[in-house]
Amino acid sequence: MTNAAIKQTPPHDSLQSRLLGIYDQLERHANCLPRLVLVPTTASGEPDFDNADPASLEFLEDWPDDAEAEWRAAILATNIVGCSRDVAALVSLDNEAPVIRCVSGRDKEWRAAEALVERDLYTQPQAPALTKLQESVAKMTAKMHRIEPVAANDNRQFRLSDWTARSYEGEPDPVEYLVDGVIESGVPGMVAAMGEVGKSYSLLELSRRVAFGSSSLAAPIFGGQVVQEGTAVFLTGEDDRNALHRRLAAIDPKGARFAEKGDKLIAVPLPSVGPVKPYWRQDRHGPAETDEWRRLGDQLTAIHDLRLVIIDPLQLFAALPINEDPAAGQFVAGSIATLAAQTGANVMFAHHMKKSGRDITSLSDARDAIRGTTALVDGVRVAYGLWYPEKAGALKACKALAVPYAPNRIVYGGVVKANGAARRVMTTYARNDSGLLVDRTAALGTAAVDLSDLRAALVVSIEAAAATGRPFTKTGRAGLYENRERLPAELQTLAKGRLDALAEAALQAGEIVKAAAKGEKTAAWLDVPTGNFATGIGEFATGAVR
């Protein structure tokens, strides 16, 4: 840039306003991470925009006070969507016009990076105008979350005396389900499987049944019948419009999507809409929700009959180390749980299982195979696993079902974690001609439940009971058999001796432990080794049997 050009540049306030306006524009689009920087100078003291690279830049938190330094100001864009992490672009002003320079990364990615940054500079982020309903919901939400100043001794909001056990009179409200007996309504959930097992297609089929209604004669899905009906939103970050169209045509051959309830299924192929933007990312304060997530939440809360939201797959929407960092996984799980609570809908996401050389033979094995830290599993109310059986089991199932054997034909599935009552038996699926997994357990005539699955169901029930402050003991007033109505249906019918034997086997295997509650010396309360009671921080819920 010449001295003449510098002299023609508008005064300080105008330069600051325009450059920070570029910063705000890029930040609103959320396709890159903008930073305010100063470039080095040439030998003659002029800003050296052409030869700048990230290593030579000076990063700023505020606009420079030095009148000479401000001419060296520019915006560095990194973490550009669709590009490698080392690709960076520099945006400066030349005669009031933005100039984009790629300052690091591979040459073949520069054109894409430059095009994306340029598009974001000259287009406004897509933010649809609020409808009257959305405005109403926003006002109600703001009113609900407004915090009024309260004196330290003001007990109007919360009084312990209002919540004695005597206040819980009458019959409690029955549990409502999305999938009968398996997935409770209005809770966060996870479906985990290795790649290409069929979790995405199954979640799309679940969405179809919720939106268009499901016959009681239909094959179960995720272990039961769909018993809720309303709007379902399916967000896929992997399938484009053509792939999603083919799948919808396969599962909806009668064209229900063109009938009265067609608008109840909202299926968004994000790769065809534009770059997939993260819902969660890291900022200087730690994990944070993005504007994209907040905009999505605003649209979802405006749907009065919303029943189901699918995010497929989670990893693609989280620019955070959710598989490595428990804090990141916990933050994302908490964000999803909040959305479920605000909308009253099930918010479920697809996640991956890790590949290992060991076969999955039980529900416990399937839970252990879920990729990443336990924070994601711990943060949802229900987790369902899908996996391939060992070859011998697949051959046996294909023979019994009279279908030709193929390596990916048979899939097993089941609930691997649930905070509450849920059937925890292993289901056998067979893939149909379109690739959809169809529950064929009934056709196998397997009335008996595998012993390892019963034990896994018992372990999950013990974990859930302890986590909610109502732990079991092996025998006695809080004993398993004495409180068998709190167990899944497949465990309620077991004789006392068999239930005790399952508990003892789980204790011997280290799957559960006996723990002492606070202030007690005898270890009697059952919990998993990492649970609250096992680690000494468990608290009993009001009304828990002790």
Foldseek 3Di string as FASTA:
>chain_A
DDPVQVVLDDDDVVQVVLQVVLQVLCQQQQQWHKFKWFAAADPVGAQDPPQGAPVRIGTDPDQDPDRSRNNRIWIKTANGFPFDRFWIWIWHDGSNDIDIDTRTDDPVCPVVRVVVSVVSSPDHHDFDDDDPLLVVLVVVVCVVPDDDDDDPPDCPVDDPVCDAPVVPDDDDDDFDAQFPQAHTFLWEEEEEEAPPLAPLLLVLLSQVCQQLNDDQPAFGRQPGHGDHHFAEEEEAAPDAPVRVVLSCCVSCVVPSLVDDSVRSYHYDHVVHVDGQRAQWAQDPVGIDGGVVVVSVLSVLLSRLGAAYYEAEANVSRYNDPLQEDLVSLLVVLVVQRVSSVSNRYYYYHYFYFDDDPDFDDELQSQLVRTGGDCNNVVSTQWYKYKYFGPPVVQVVVCVLVVHDDDRSFKMKMAISAHLFGHDGAIFIWGQDPSRHTGTCRVSSVCPDGDLRSVLSQVLRLQANCQQQQQFAFCDDCRHCQNVVVRGYPVRPPDDSVVSSVSVVVCCVVLQWHFADEPPDDDRTTIHRCPGCRNVHNTHHDNPHDD
